[in-house]
Amino acid sequence: MLIKPGSQWRIEGYRDDVSPVFSRKLFSLGLVPGALIEIVRLAPLGDPAEVRIRRTSYALRKSELAMLRLKAVNGGEGV
């Protein structure tokens, strides 16, 4: 997955190996299937990334983003 500032992604779901507890945590943050994620910026070393979801910004580690099944909307490559 090519994560770069300005790219947008649509959440298609969660990976199969994500625990139910962590998937509920993601769900409570608004990381739900169908939601649009915009990558705002990356930290100097590339991790974490600031993402915007429904006018709310979060800092997510790449490992947390990897738990999502994403589809590129623009400026990215699908996973």
C-alpha atoms as a PDB file:
ATOM      1  CA  MET A   1       0.000   0.000   0.000  1.00  0.00           C
ATOM      2  CA  LEU A   2       1.361   3.384  -0.993  1.00  0.00           C
ATOM      3  CA  ILE A   3       0.399   5.839   1.712  1.00  0.00           C
ATOM      4  CA  LYS A   4       1.232   9.415   0.833  1.00  0.00           C
ATOM      5  CA  PRO A   5      -0.183  12.767   1.911  1.00  0.00           C
ATOM      6  CA  GLY A   6      -3.248  13.776  -0.056  1.00  0.00           C
ATOM      7  CA  SER A   7      -4.277  10.219  -0.944  1.00  0.00           C
ATOM      8  CA  GLN A   8      -7.789   9.065  -0.140  1.00  0.00           C
ATOM      9  CA  TRP A   9      -8.946   5.556   0.693  1.00  0.00           C
ATOM     10  CA  ARG A  10     -12.302   3.880   1.300  1.00  0.00           C
ATOM     11  CA  ILE A  11     -12.504   1.289   4.076  1.00  0.00           C
ATOM     12  CA  GLU A  12     -13.834  -1.983   2.685  1.00  0.00           C
ATOM     13  CA  GLY A  13     -13.578  -3.857   5.986  1.00  0.00           C
ATOM     14  CA  TYR A  14     -11.109  -5.321   8.446  1.00  0.00           C
ATOM     15  CA  ARG A  15      -8.561  -8.068   7.881  1.00  0.00           C
ATOM     16  CA  ASP A  16      -9.693 -11.514   8.957  1.00  0.00           C
ATOM     17  CA  ASP A  17      -7.016 -11.837  11.643  1.00  0.00           C
ATOM     18  CA  VAL A  18      -8.067  -8.678  13.549  1.00  0.00           C
ATOM     19  CA  SER A  19      -9.330  -9.520  17.024  1.00  0.00           C
ATOM     20  CA  PRO A  20     -12.964  -8.697  17.828  1.00  0.00           C
ATOM     21  CA  VAL A  21     -11.846  -6.391  20.643  1.00  0.00           C
ATOM     22  CA  PHE A  22      -9.604  -4.352  18.346  1.00  0.00           C
ATOM     23  CA  SER A  23     -12.196  -4.258  15.545  1.00  0.00           C
ATOM     24  CA  ARG A  24     -14.701  -2.766  18.036  1.00  0.00           C
ATOM     25  CA  LYS A  25     -12.084  -0.152  18.962  1.00  0.00           C
ATOM     26  CA  LEU A  26     -11.603   0.751  15.290  1.00  0.00           C
ATOM     27  CA  PHE A  27     -15.380   0.839  14.825  1.00  0.00           C
ATOM     28  CA  SER A  28     -15.810   3.200  17.800  1.00  0.00           C
ATOM     29  CA  LEU A  29     -13.274   5.600  16.249  1.00  0.00           C
ATOM     30  CA  GLY A  30     -15.337   5.809  13.072  1.00  0.00           C
ATOM     31  CA  LEU A  31     -13.158   3.451  11.041  1.00  0.00           C
ATOM     32  CA  VAL A  32     -16.189   1.663   9.631  1.00  0.00           C
ATOM     33  CA  PRO A  33     -16.696   0.009   6.247  1.00  0.00           C
ATOM     34  CA  GLY A  34     -17.606   2.644   3.675  1.00  0.00           C
ATOM     35  CA  ALA A  35     -15.860   5.506   5.488  1.00  0.00           C
ATOM     36  CA  LEU A  36     -13.437   7.691   3.558  1.00  0.00           C
ATOM     37  CA  ILE A  37      -9.922   8.181   4.968  1.00  0.00           C
ATOM     38  CA  GLU A  38      -7.659  11.014   3.836  1.00  0.00           C
ATOM     39  CA  ILE A  39      -3.937  10.859   4.586  1.00  0.00           C
ATOM     40  CA  VAL A  40      -3.088  14.356   5.832  1.00  0.00           C
ATOM     41  CA  ARG A  41       0.623  13.979   6.585  1.00  0.00           C
ATOM     42  CA  LEU A  42       3.291  11.565   7.716  1.00  0.00           C
ATOM     43  CA  ALA A  43       5.701  11.877  10.623  1.00  0.00           C
ATOM     44  CA  PRO A  44       9.326  12.595   9.619  1.00  0.00           C
ATOM     45  CA  LEU A  45      10.237   8.893   9.809  1.00  0.00           C
ATOM     46  CA  GLY A  46       6.995   7.832   8.089  1.00  0.00           C
ATOM     47  CA  ASP A  47       5.164   6.487  11.129  1.00  0.00           C
ATOM     48  CA  PRO A  48       2.556   7.428  12.397  1.00  0.00           C
ATOM     49  CA  ALA A  49       0.317   9.000   9.776  1.00  0.00           C
ATOM     50  CA  GLU A  50      -2.222  11.715  10.449  1.00  0.00           C
ATOM     51  CA  VAL A  51      -5.521  10.655   8.901  1.00  0.00           C
ATOM     52  CA  ARG A  52      -8.797  12.512   8.631  1.00  0.00           C
ATOM     53  CA  ILE A  53     -12.073  10.640   8.913  1.00  0.00           C
ATOM     54  CA  ARG A  54     -15.351  12.584   8.833  1.00  0.00           C
ATOM     55  CA  ARG A  55     -13.738  15.885   9.896  1.00  0.00           C
ATOM     56  CA  THR A  56     -11.832  14.204  12.767  1.00  0.00           C
ATOM     57  CA  SER A  57      -8.065  13.723  12.722  1.00  0.00           C
ATOM     58  CA  TYR A  58      -6.241  10.726  14.211  1.00  0.00           C
ATOM     59  CA  ALA A  59      -2.626   9.600  14.337  1.00  0.00           C
ATOM     60  CA  LEU A  60      -2.491   5.940  13.290  1.00  0.00           C
ATOM     61  CA  ARG A  61       0.506   3.656  13.090  1.00  0.00           C
ATOM     62  CA  LYS A  62       1.147   1.858   9.833  1.00  0.00           C
ATOM     63  CA  SER A  63       0.453  -1.414  11.655  1.00  0.00           C
ATOM     64  CA  GLU A  64      -3.021  -0.119  12.568  1.00  0.00           C
ATOM     65  CA  LEU A  65      -3.689   1.017   9.004  1.00  0.00           C
ATOM     66  CA  ALA A  66      -2.585  -2.419   7.812  1.00  0.00           C
ATOM     67  CA  MET A  67      -5.485  -3.950   9.765  1.00  0.00           C
ATOM     68  CA  LEU A  68      -7.917  -2.251   7.395  1.00  0.00           C
ATOM     69  CA  ARG A  69      -8.835  -3.437   3.917  1.00  0.00           C
ATOM     70  CA  LEU A  70      -8.595  -0.245   1.877  1.00  0.00           C
ATOM     71  CA  LYS A  71      -9.437   0.697  -1.692  1.00  0.00           C
ATOM     72  CA  ALA A  72      -7.803   3.705  -3.329  1.00  0.00           C
ATOM     73  CA  VAL A  73     -10.122   6.569  -4.195  1.00  0.00           C
ATOM     74  CA  ASN A  74      -7.429   8.843  -5.636  1.00  0.00           C
ATOM     75  CA  GLY A  75      -3.695   9.219  -5.319  1.00  0.00           C
ATOM     76  CA  GLY A  76      -3.003   5.725  -4.043  1.00  0.00           C
ATOM     77  CA  GLU A  77      -2.755   2.108  -5.016  1.00  0.00           C
ATOM     78  CA  GLY A  78      -5.357  -0.355  -3.759  1.00  0.00           C
ATOM     79  CA  VAL A  79      -4.623  -3.124  -1.283  1.00  0.00           C
END
